[in-house]
PDB file of all heavy atoms in Angstrom:
ATOM      1  N   VAL A   1      18.905  30.126   3.521  1.00  0.00           N
ATOM      2  CA  VAL A   1      18.361  28.767   3.427  1.00  0.00           C
ATOM      3  C   VAL A   1      19.518  27.785   3.328  1.00  0.00           C
ATOM      4  O   VAL A   1      20.202  27.701   2.303  1.00  0.00           O
ATOM      5  CB  VAL A   1      17.426  28.604   2.212  1.00  0.00           C
ATOM      6  CG1 VAL A   1      16.745  27.231   2.263  1.00  0.00           C
ATOM      7  CG2 VAL A   1      16.387  29.709   2.176  1.00  0.00           C
ATOM      8  N   ASP A   2      19.739  27.068   4.415  1.00  0.00           N
ATOM      9  CA  ASP A   2      20.750  26.012   4.458  1.00  0.00           C
ATOM     10  C   ASP A   2      20.008  24.680   4.460  1.00  0.00           C
ATOM     11  O   ASP A   2      19.388  24.301   5.455  1.00  0.00           O
ATOM     12  CB  ASP A   2      21.615  26.131   5.718  1.00  0.00           C
ATOM     13  CG  ASP A   2      22.399  27.440   5.762  1.00  0.00           C
ATOM     14  OD1 ASP A   2      22.719  27.964   4.681  1.00  0.00           O
ATOM     15  OD2 ASP A   2      22.678  27.942   6.870  1.00  0.00           O
ATOM     16  N   VAL A   3      20.066  23.983   3.330  1.00  0.00           N
ATOM     17  CA  VAL A   3      19.265  22.777   3.150  1.00  0.00           C
ATOM     18  C   VAL A   3      20.042  21.547   3.629  1.00  0.00           C
ATOM     19  O   VAL A   3      21.117  21.242   3.118  1.00  0.00           O
ATOM     20  CB  VAL A   3      18.850  22.595   1.674  1.00  0.00           C
ATOM     21  CG1 VAL A   3      18.025  21.328   1.503  1.00  0.00           C
ATOM     22  CG2 VAL A   3      18.054  23.808   1.199  1.00  0.00           C
ATOM     23  N   SER A   4      19.500  20.844   4.619  1.00  0.00           N
ATOM     24  CA  SER A   4      20.076  19.590   5.096  1.00  0.00           C
ATOM     25  C   SER A   4      19.610  18.456   4.188  1.00  0.00           C
ATOM     26  O   SER A   4      18.431  18.383   3.836  1.00  0.00           O
ATOM     27  CB  SER A   4      19.635  19.307   6.535  1.00  0.00           C
ATOM     28  OG  SER A   4      20.014  20.361   7.402  1.00  0.00           O
ATOM     29  N   ILE A   5      20.534  17.574   3.831  1.00  0.00           N
ATOM     30  CA  ILE A   5      20.232  16.454   2.942  1.00  0.00           C
ATOM     31  C   ILE A   5      20.382  15.158   3.728  1.00  0.00           C
ATOM     32  O   ILE A   5      21.455  14.869   4.263  1.00  0.00           O
ATOM     33  CB  ILE A   5      21.182  16.422   1.724  1.00  0.00           C
ATOM     34  CG1 ILE A   5      21.220  17.788   1.041  1.00  0.00           C
ATOM     35  CG2 ILE A   5      20.753  15.345   0.742  1.00  0.00           C
ATOM     36  CD1 ILE A   5      19.888  18.242   0.528  1.00  0.00           C
ATOM     37  N   ALA A   6      19.315  14.390   3.821  1.00  0.00           N
ATOM     38  CA  ALA A   6      19.368  13.126   4.559  1.00  0.00           C
ATOM     39  C   ALA A   6      20.186  12.113   3.766  1.00  0.00           C
ATOM     40  O   ALA A   6      19.863  11.802   2.616  1.00  0.00           O
ATOM     41  CB  ALA A   6      17.957  12.595   4.807  1.00  0.00           C
ATOM     42  N   VAL A   7      21.256  11.596   4.383  1.00  0.00           N
ATOM     43  CA  VAL A   7      22.139  10.618   3.743  1.00  0.00           C
ATOM     44  C   VAL A   7      22.235   9.390   4.640  1.00  0.00           C
ATOM     45  O   VAL A   7      22.500   9.505   5.842  1.00  0.00           O
ATOM     46  CB  VAL A   7      23.549  11.201   3.508  1.00  0.00           C
ATOM     47  CG1 VAL A   7      24.483  10.139   2.927  1.00  0.00           C
ATOM     48  CG2 VAL A   7      23.479  12.403   2.576  1.00  0.00           C
ATOM     49  N   SER A   8      22.009   8.224   4.063  1.00  0.00           N
ATOM     50  CA  SER A   8      22.118   6.973   4.815  1.00  0.00           C
ATOM     51  C   SER A   8      23.565   6.504   4.799  1.00  0.00           C
ATOM     52  O   SER A   8      24.198   6.440   3.744  1.00  0.00           O
ATOM     53  CB  SER A   8      21.214   5.902   4.204  1.00  0.00           C
ATOM     54  OG  SER A   8      21.353   4.675   4.887  1.00  0.00           O
ATOM     55  N   THR A   9      24.114   6.178   5.982  1.00  0.00           N
ATOM     56  CA  THR A   9      25.478   5.691   6.108  1.00  0.00           C
ATOM     57  C   THR A   9      25.461   4.390   6.900  1.00  0.00           C
ATOM     58  O   THR A   9      24.457   4.071   7.549  1.00  0.00           O
ATOM     59  CB  THR A   9      26.379   6.709   6.828  1.00  0.00           C
ATOM     60  OG1 THR A   9      26.027   6.744   8.230  1.00  0.00           O
ATOM     61  CG2 THR A   9      26.199   8.105   6.240  1.00  0.00           C
ATOM     62  N   PRO A  10      26.551   3.623   6.888  1.00  0.00           N
ATOM     63  CA  PRO A  10      26.587   2.398   7.694  1.00  0.00           C
ATOM     64  C   PRO A  10      26.349   2.643   9.174  1.00  0.00           C
ATOM     65  O   PRO A  10      25.837   1.776   9.878  1.00  0.00           O
ATOM     66  CB  PRO A  10      28.015   1.870   7.436  1.00  0.00           C
ATOM     67  CG  PRO A  10      28.392   2.417   6.111  1.00  0.00           C
ATOM     68  CD  PRO A  10      27.745   3.764   6.029  1.00  0.00           C
ATOM     69  N   ALA A  11      26.702   3.847   9.663  1.00  0.00           N
ATOM     70  CA  ALA A  11      26.514   4.149  11.081  1.00  0.00           C
ATOM     71  C   ALA A  11      25.119   4.676  11.388  1.00  0.00           C
ATOM     72  O   ALA A  11      24.721   4.728  12.549  1.00  0.00           O
ATOM     73  CB  ALA A  11      27.550   5.172  11.534  1.00  0.00           C
ATOM     74  N   GLY A  12      24.355   5.062  10.361  1.00  0.00           N
ATOM     75  CA  GLY A  12      23.032   5.620  10.577  1.00  0.00           C
ATOM     76  C   GLY A  12      22.800   6.831   9.686  1.00  0.00           C
ATOM     77  O   GLY A  12      23.624   7.157   8.819  1.00  0.00           O
ATOM     78  N   LEU A  13      21.694   7.500   9.922  1.00  0.00           N
ATOM     79  CA  LEU A  13      21.311   8.654   9.102  1.00  0.00           C
ATOM     80  C   LEU A  13      22.048   9.899   9.569  1.00  0.00           C
ATOM     81  O   LEU A  13      22.156  10.148  10.771  1.00  0.00           O
ATOM     82  CB  LEU A  13      19.803   8.874   9.204  1.00  0.00           C
ATOM     83  CG  LEU A  13      19.178   9.871   8.207  1.00  0.00           C
ATOM     84  CD1 LEU A  13      19.236   9.311   6.803  1.00  0.00           C
ATOM     85  CD2 LEU A  13      17.742  10.164   8.596  1.00  0.00           C
ATOM     86  N   ILE A  14      22.542  10.690   8.622  1.00  0.00           N
ATOM     87  CA  ILE A  14      23.176  11.964   8.938  1.00  0.00           C
ATOM     88  C   ILE A  14      22.748  12.978   7.889  1.00  0.00           C
ATOM     89  O   ILE A  14      22.391  12.605   6.762  1.00  0.00           O
ATOM     90  CB  ILE A  14      24.715  11.821   8.984  1.00  0.00           C
ATOM     91  CG1 ILE A  14      25.347  13.043   9.653  1.00  0.00           C
ATOM     92  CG2 ILE A  14      25.299  11.584   7.605  1.00  0.00           C
ATOM     93  CD1 ILE A  14      26.799  12.848  10.025  1.00  0.00           C
ATOM     94  N   THR A  15      22.736  14.250   8.259  1.00  0.00           N
ATOM     95  CA  THR A  15      22.184  15.280   7.366  1.00  0.00           C
ATOM     96  C   THR A  15      23.210  16.371   7.091  1.00  0.00           C
ATOM     97  O   THR A  15      23.195  17.431   7.722  1.00  0.00           O
ATOM     98  CB  THR A  15      20.914  15.913   7.985  1.00  0.00           C
ATOM     99  OG1 THR A  15      21.202  16.336   9.339  1.00  0.00           O
ATOM    100  CG2 THR A  15      19.772  14.916   8.010  1.00  0.00           C
ATOM    101  N   PRO A  16      24.138  16.139   6.140  1.00  0.00           N
ATOM    102  CA  PRO A  16      25.057  17.209   5.737  1.00  0.00           C
ATOM    103  C   PRO A  16      24.291  18.363   5.099  1.00  0.00           C
ATOM    104  O   PRO A  16      23.172  18.187   4.614  1.00  0.00           O
ATOM    105  CB  PRO A  16      25.989  16.525   4.743  1.00  0.00           C
ATOM    106  CG  PRO A  16      25.226  15.339   4.249  1.00  0.00           C
ATOM    107  CD  PRO A  16      24.360  14.903   5.396  1.00  0.00           C
ATOM    108  N   ILE A  17      24.906  19.528   5.087  1.00  0.00           N
ATOM    109  CA  ILE A  17      24.189  20.760   4.740  1.00  0.00           C
ATOM    110  C   ILE A  17      24.745  21.392   3.472  1.00  0.00           C
ATOM    111  O   ILE A  17      25.964  21.557   3.332  1.00  0.00           O
ATOM    112  CB  ILE A  17      24.280  21.772   5.897  1.00  0.00           C
ATOM    113  CG1 ILE A  17      23.740  21.155   7.193  1.00  0.00           C
ATOM    114  CG2 ILE A  17      23.526  23.051   5.578  1.00  0.00           C
ATOM    115  CD1 ILE A  17      24.077  21.946   8.431  1.00  0.00           C
ATOM    116  N   VAL A  18      23.838  21.770   2.569  1.00  0.00           N
ATOM    117  CA  VAL A  18      24.176  22.616   1.429  1.00  0.00           C
ATOM    118  C   VAL A  18      23.890  24.050   1.868  1.00  0.00           C
ATOM    119  O   VAL A  18      22.733  24.478   1.938  1.00  0.00           O
ATOM    120  CB  VAL A  18      23.354  22.253   0.179  1.00  0.00           C
ATOM    121  CG1 VAL A  18      23.705  23.194  -0.972  1.00  0.00           C
ATOM    122  CG2 VAL A  18      23.597  20.808  -0.228  1.00  0.00           C
ATOM    123  N   PHE A  19      24.936  24.794   2.194  1.00  0.00           N
ATOM    124  CA  PHE A  19      24.762  26.139   2.714  1.00  0.00           C
ATOM    125  C   PHE A  19      24.390  27.116   1.597  1.00  0.00           C
ATOM    126  O   PHE A  19      24.847  26.998   0.466  1.00  0.00           O
ATOM    127  CB  PHE A  19      26.045  26.611   3.411  1.00  0.00           C
ATOM    128  CG  PHE A  19      26.353  25.872   4.683  1.00  0.00           C
ATOM    129  CD1 PHE A  19      27.235  24.805   4.688  1.00  0.00           C
ATOM    130  CD2 PHE A  19      25.739  26.237   5.873  1.00  0.00           C
ATOM    131  CE1 PHE A  19      27.519  24.122   5.854  1.00  0.00           C
ATOM    132  CE2 PHE A  19      26.010  25.555   7.049  1.00  0.00           C
ATOM    133  CZ  PHE A  19      26.896  24.499   7.039  1.00  0.00           C
ATOM    134  N   ASN A  20      23.529  28.081   1.946  1.00  0.00           N
ATOM    135  CA  ASN A  20      23.114  29.137   1.012  1.00  0.00           C
ATOM    136  C   ASN A  20      22.604  28.560  -0.312  1.00  0.00           C
ATOM    137  O   ASN A  20      22.961  29.036  -1.398  1.00  0.00           O
ATOM    138  CB  ASN A  20      24.268  30.101   0.744  1.00  0.00           C
ATOM    139  CG  ASN A  20      24.687  30.860   1.989  1.00  0.00           C
ATOM    140  OD1 ASN A  20      23.852  31.473   2.666  1.00  0.00           O
ATOM    141  ND2 ASN A  20      25.966  30.831   2.315  1.00  0.00           N
ATOM    142  N   ALA A  21      21.781  27.528  -0.205  1.00  0.00           N
ATOM    143  CA  ALA A  21      21.283  26.870  -1.408  1.00  0.00           C
ATOM    144  C   ALA A  21      20.423  27.803  -2.259  1.00  0.00           C
ATOM    145  O   ALA A  21      20.298  27.591  -3.470  1.00  0.00           O
ATOM    146  CB  ALA A  21      20.469  25.630  -1.020  1.00  0.00           C
ATOM    147  N   HIS A  22      19.841  28.828  -1.646  1.00  0.00           N
ATOM    148  CA  HIS A  22      18.949  29.735  -2.389  1.00  0.00           C
ATOM    149  C   HIS A  22      19.708  30.626  -3.370  1.00  0.00           C
ATOM    150  O   HIS A  22      19.102  31.174  -4.304  1.00  0.00           O
ATOM    151  CB  HIS A  22      18.156  30.606  -1.411  1.00  0.00           C
ATOM    152  CG  HIS A  22      19.009  31.452  -0.510  1.00  0.00           C
ATOM    153  ND1 HIS A  22      19.914  30.914   0.365  1.00  0.00           N
ATOM    154  CD2 HIS A  22      19.096  32.805  -0.363  1.00  0.00           C
ATOM    155  CE1 HIS A  22      20.518  31.888   1.038  1.00  0.00           C
ATOM    156  NE2 HIS A  22      20.044  33.033   0.611  1.00  0.00           N
ATOM    157  N   ILE A  23      21.036  30.781  -3.182  1.00  0.00           N
ATOM    158  CA  ILE A  23      21.803  31.643  -4.086  1.00  0.00           C
ATOM    159  C   ILE A  23      22.821  30.847  -4.909  1.00  0.00           C
ATOM    160  O   ILE A  23      23.588  31.437  -5.660  1.00  0.00           O
ATOM    161  CB  ILE A  23      22.522  32.770  -3.320  1.00  0.00           C
ATOM    162  CG1 ILE A  23      23.474  32.185  -2.268  1.00  0.00           C
ATOM    163  CG2 ILE A  23      21.515  33.720  -2.672  1.00  0.00           C
ATOM    164  CD1 ILE A  23      24.309  33.236  -1.553  1.00  0.00           C
ATOM    165  N   LYS A  24      22.828  29.533  -4.771  1.00  0.00           N
ATOM    166  CA  LYS A  24      23.768  28.707  -5.525  1.00  0.00           C
ATOM    167  C   LYS A  24      23.134  28.196  -6.811  1.00  0.00           C
ATOM    168  O   LYS A  24      21.929  27.956  -6.872  1.00  0.00           O
ATOM    169  CB  LYS A  24      24.241  27.518  -4.681  1.00  0.00           C
ATOM    170  CG  LYS A  24      25.226  27.889  -3.588  1.00  0.00           C
ATOM    171  CD  LYS A  24      25.750  26.656  -2.867  1.00  0.00           C
ATOM    172  CE  LYS A  24      26.832  27.035  -1.860  1.00  0.00           C
ATOM    173  NZ  LYS A  24      27.341  25.879  -1.096  1.00  0.00           N
ATOM    174  N   GLY A  25      23.977  28.006  -7.827  1.00  0.00           N
ATOM    175  CA  GLY A  25      23.509  27.420  -9.073  1.00  0.00           C
ATOM    176  C   GLY A  25      23.397  25.911  -8.951  1.00  0.00           C
ATOM    177  O   GLY A  25      23.890  25.301  -8.007  1.00  0.00           O
ATOM    178  N   LEU A  26      22.759  25.296  -9.941  1.00  0.00           N
ATOM    179  CA  LEU A  26      22.545  23.851  -9.905  1.00  0.00           C
ATOM    180  C   LEU A  26      23.866  23.076  -9.923  1.00  0.00           C
ATOM    181  O   LEU A  26      24.012  22.064  -9.226  1.00  0.00           O
ATOM    182  CB  LEU A  26      21.678  23.432 -11.087  1.00  0.00           C
ATOM    183  CG  LEU A  26      20.213  23.882 -11.049  1.00  0.00           C
ATOM    184  CD1 LEU A  26      19.551  23.659 -12.403  1.00  0.00           C
ATOM    185  CD2 LEU A  26      19.471  23.141  -9.961  1.00  0.00           C
ATOM    186  N   ALA A  27      24.830  23.544 -10.708  1.00  0.00           N
ATOM    187  CA  ALA A  27      26.118  22.847 -10.781  1.00  0.00           C
ATOM    188  C   ALA A  27      26.832  22.898  -9.430  1.00  0.00           C
ATOM    189  O   ALA A  27      27.422  21.910  -8.991  1.00  0.00           O
ATOM    190  CB  ALA A  27      26.992  23.460 -11.867  1.00  0.00           C
ATOM    191  N   SER A  28      26.771  24.053  -8.773  1.00  0.00           N
ATOM    192  CA  SER A  28      27.403  24.188  -7.463  1.00  0.00           C
ATOM    193  C   SER A  28      26.724  23.293  -6.428  1.00  0.00           C
ATOM    194  O   SER A  28      27.391  22.648  -5.608  1.00  0.00           O
ATOM    195  CB  SER A  28      27.356  25.648  -7.006  1.00  0.00           C
ATOM    196  OG  SER A  28      27.938  25.803  -5.740  1.00  0.00           O
ATOM    197  N   ILE A  29      25.388  23.228  -6.473  1.00  0.00           N
ATOM    198  CA  ILE A  29      24.646  22.355  -5.557  1.00  0.00           C
ATOM    199  C   ILE A  29      25.012  20.897  -5.813  1.00  0.00           C
ATOM    200  O   ILE A  29      25.218  20.113  -4.880  1.00  0.00           O
ATOM    201  CB  ILE A  29      23.136  22.575  -5.717  1.00  0.00           C
ATOM    202  CG1 ILE A  29      22.739  23.949  -5.167  1.00  0.00           C
ATOM    203  CG2 ILE A  29      22.336  21.475  -5.013  1.00  0.00           C
ATOM    204  CD1 ILE A  29      21.285  24.305  -5.390  1.00  0.00           C
ATOM    205  N   SER A  30      25.106  20.520  -7.087  1.00  0.00           N
ATOM    206  CA  SER A  30      25.440  19.138  -7.435  1.00  0.00           C
ATOM    207  C   SER A  30      26.816  18.749  -6.889  1.00  0.00           C
ATOM    208  O   SER A  30      26.991  17.654  -6.339  1.00  0.00           O
ATOM    209  CB  SER A  30      25.413  18.956  -8.954  1.00  0.00           C
ATOM    210  OG  SER A  30      25.723  17.632  -9.320  1.00  0.00           O
ATOM    211  N   LYS A  31      27.802  19.639  -7.015  1.00  0.00           N
ATOM    212  CA  LYS A  31      29.141  19.357  -6.497  1.00  0.00           C
ATOM    213  C   LYS A  31      29.115  19.220  -4.979  1.00  0.00           C
ATOM    214  O   LYS A  31      29.759  18.334  -4.412  1.00  0.00           O
ATOM    215  CB  LYS A  31      30.104  20.472  -6.911  1.00  0.00           C
ATOM    216  CG  LYS A  31      30.430  20.501  -8.393  1.00  0.00           C
ATOM    217  CD  LYS A  31      31.378  21.646  -8.721  1.00  0.00           C
ATOM    218  CE  LYS A  31      31.711  21.705 -10.197  1.00  0.00           C
ATOM    219  NZ  LYS A  31      32.616  22.848 -10.516  1.00  0.00           N
ATOM    220  N   ASP A  32      28.385  20.122  -4.311  1.00  0.00           N
ATOM    221  CA  ASP A  32      28.299  20.078  -2.844  1.00  0.00           C
ATOM    222  C   ASP A  32      27.688  18.761  -2.375  1.00  0.00           C
ATOM    223  O   ASP A  32      28.190  18.122  -1.444  1.00  0.00           O
ATOM    224  CB  ASP A  32      27.462  21.249  -2.322  1.00  0.00           C
ATOM    225  CG  ASP A  32      28.219  22.564  -2.377  1.00  0.00           C
ATOM    226  OD1 ASP A  32      29.411  22.551  -2.730  1.00  0.00           O
ATOM    227  OD2 ASP A  32      27.617  23.608  -2.067  1.00  0.00           O
ATOM    228  N   VAL A  33      26.594  18.353  -3.016  1.00  0.00           N
ATOM    229  CA  VAL A  33      25.903  17.133  -2.601  1.00  0.00           C
ATOM    230  C   VAL A  33      26.794  15.906  -2.802  1.00  0.00           C
ATOM    231  O   VAL A  33      26.885  15.036  -1.921  1.00  0.00           O
ATOM    232  CB  VAL A  33      24.585  16.965  -3.380  1.00  0.00           C
ATOM    233  CG1 VAL A  33      23.967  15.603  -3.106  1.00  0.00           C
ATOM    234  CG2 VAL A  33      23.601  18.066  -2.988  1.00  0.00           C
ATOM    235  N   ALA A  34      27.470  15.827  -3.942  1.00  0.00           N
ATOM    236  CA  ALA A  34      28.338  14.683  -4.214  1.00  0.00           C
ATOM    237  C   ALA A  34      29.472  14.603  -3.199  1.00  0.00           C
ATOM    238  O   ALA A  34      29.792  13.528  -2.675  1.00  0.00           O
ATOM    239  CB  ALA A  34      28.901  14.769  -5.634  1.00  0.00           C
ATOM    240  N   SER A  35      30.084  15.750  -2.904  1.00  0.00           N
ATOM    241  CA  SER A  35      31.192  15.782  -1.949  1.00  0.00           C
ATOM    242  C   SER A  35      30.726  15.435  -0.539  1.00  0.00           C
ATOM    243  O   SER A  35      31.345  14.622   0.159  1.00  0.00           O
ATOM    244  CB  SER A  35      31.846  17.167  -1.955  1.00  0.00           C
ATOM    245  OG  SER A  35      32.814  17.275  -0.937  1.00  0.00           O
ATOM    246  N   LEU A  36      29.605  16.020  -0.113  1.00  0.00           N
ATOM    247  CA  LEU A  36      29.099  15.792   1.240  1.00  0.00           C
ATOM    248  C   LEU A  36      28.651  14.340   1.430  1.00  0.00           C
ATOM    249  O   LEU A  36      28.898  13.738   2.483  1.00  0.00           O
ATOM    250  CB  LEU A  36      27.947  16.747   1.530  1.00  0.00           C
ATOM    251  CG  LEU A  36      28.314  18.224   1.688  1.00  0.00           C
ATOM    252  CD1 LEU A  36      27.061  19.084   1.685  1.00  0.00           C
ATOM    253  CD2 LEU A  36      29.121  18.456   2.960  1.00  0.00           C
ATOM    254  N   ALA A  37      27.969  13.782   0.429  1.00  0.00           N
ATOM    255  CA  ALA A  37      27.494  12.403   0.539  1.00  0.00           C
ATOM    256  C   ALA A  37      28.662  11.433   0.643  1.00  0.00           C
ATOM    257  O   ALA A  37      28.631  10.483   1.440  1.00  0.00           O
ATOM    258  CB  ALA A  37      26.614  12.049  -0.658  1.00  0.00           C
ATOM    259  N   ALA A  38      29.717  11.658  -0.152  1.00  0.00           N
ATOM    260  CA  ALA A  38      30.888  10.784  -0.100  1.00  0.00           C
ATOM    261  C   ALA A  38      31.569  10.871   1.258  1.00  0.00           C
ATOM    262  O   ALA A  38      31.933   9.853   1.854  1.00  0.00           O
ATOM    263  CB  ALA A  38      31.866  11.157  -1.216  1.00  0.00           C
ATOM    264  N   LYS A  39      31.731  12.081   1.770  1.00  0.00           N
ATOM    265  CA  LYS A  39      32.377  12.251   3.079  1.00  0.00           C
ATOM    266  C   LYS A  39      31.521  11.657   4.187  1.00  0.00           C
ATOM    267  O   LYS A  39      32.048  11.116   5.170  1.00  0.00           O
ATOM    268  CB  LYS A  39      32.642  13.736   3.333  1.00  0.00           C
ATOM    269  CG  LYS A  39      33.692  14.318   2.406  1.00  0.00           C
ATOM    270  CD  LYS A  39      33.772  15.833   2.503  1.00  0.00           C
ATOM    271  CE  LYS A  39      34.365  16.296   3.798  1.00  0.00           C
ATOM    272  NZ  LYS A  39      34.555  17.766   3.823  1.00  0.00           N
ATOM    273  N   ALA A  40      30.202  11.754   4.048  1.00  0.00           N
ATOM    274  CA  ALA A  40      29.310  11.203   5.076  1.00  0.00           C
ATOM    275  C   ALA A  40      29.442   9.688   5.142  1.00  0.00           C
ATOM    276  O   ALA A  40      29.514   9.103   6.225  1.00  0.00           O
ATOM    277  CB  ALA A  40      27.861  11.600   4.782  1.00  0.00           C
ATOM    278  N   ARG A  41      29.480   9.026   3.999  1.00  0.00           N
ATOM    279  CA  ARG A  41      29.572   7.567   3.977  1.00  0.00           C
ATOM    280  C   ARG A  41      30.940   7.074   4.427  1.00  0.00           C
ATOM    281  O   ARG A  41      31.080   5.940   4.879  1.00  0.00           O
ATOM    282  CB  ARG A  41      29.235   7.047   2.577  1.00  0.00           C
ATOM    283  CG  ARG A  41      27.788   7.333   2.173  1.00  0.00           C
ATOM    284  CD  ARG A  41      27.398   6.655   0.874  1.00  0.00           C
ATOM    285  NE  ARG A  41      26.014   6.940   0.545  1.00  0.00           N
ATOM    286  CZ  ARG A  41      25.628   7.849  -0.351  1.00  0.00           C
ATOM    287  NH1 ARG A  41      26.547   8.551  -1.012  1.00  0.00           N
ATOM    288  NH2 ARG A  41      24.353   8.065  -0.592  1.00  0.00           N
ATOM    289  N   GLU A  42      31.960   7.919   4.274  1.00  0.00           N
ATOM    290  CA  GLU A  42      33.299   7.540   4.717  1.00  0.00           C
ATOM    291  C   GLU A  42      33.557   7.951   6.161  1.00  0.00           C
ATOM    292  O   GLU A  42      34.638   7.678   6.699  1.00  0.00           O
ATOM    293  CB  GLU A  42      34.355   8.185   3.804  1.00  0.00           C
ATOM    294  CG  GLU A  42      34.315   7.672   2.366  1.00  0.00           C
ATOM    295  CD  GLU A  42      35.259   8.451   1.461  1.00  0.00           C
ATOM    296  OE1 GLU A  42      35.926   9.389   1.972  1.00  0.00           O
ATOM    297  OE2 GLU A  42      35.318   8.148   0.260  1.00  0.00           O
ATOM    298  N   GLY A  43      32.579   8.631   6.777  1.00  0.00           N
ATOM    299  CA  GLY A  43      32.747   9.077   8.154  1.00  0.00           C
ATOM    300  C   GLY A  43      33.724  10.230   8.300  1.00  0.00           C
ATOM    301  O   GLY A  43      34.332  10.396   9.351  1.00  0.00           O
ATOM    302  N   LYS A  44      33.877  11.046   7.259  1.00  0.00           N
ATOM    303  CA  LYS A  44      34.860  12.125   7.282  1.00  0.00           C
ATOM    304  C   LYS A  44      34.237  13.513   7.365  1.00  0.00           C
ATOM    305  O   LYS A  44      34.918  14.519   7.198  1.00  0.00           O
ATOM    306  CB  LYS A  44      35.741  12.043   6.023  1.00  0.00           C
ATOM    307  CG  LYS A  44      36.607  10.796   5.955  1.00  0.00           C
ATOM    308  CD  LYS A  44      37.487  10.801   4.721  1.00  0.00           C
ATOM    309  CE  LYS A  44      38.378   9.561   4.682  1.00  0.00           C
ATOM    310  NZ  LYS A  44      39.238   9.553   3.466  1.00  0.00           N
TER     311      LYS A  44
END
């Protein structure tokens, strides 16, 4: 289960992925989401 997260950016909507979300802990998911959302908004 690779969960795509809809993130709004200045360029439009993009869906970074939390890979293997079914076997990750909440803290690991939280770190992934924060990192992916920041990179998405910066276009990186």
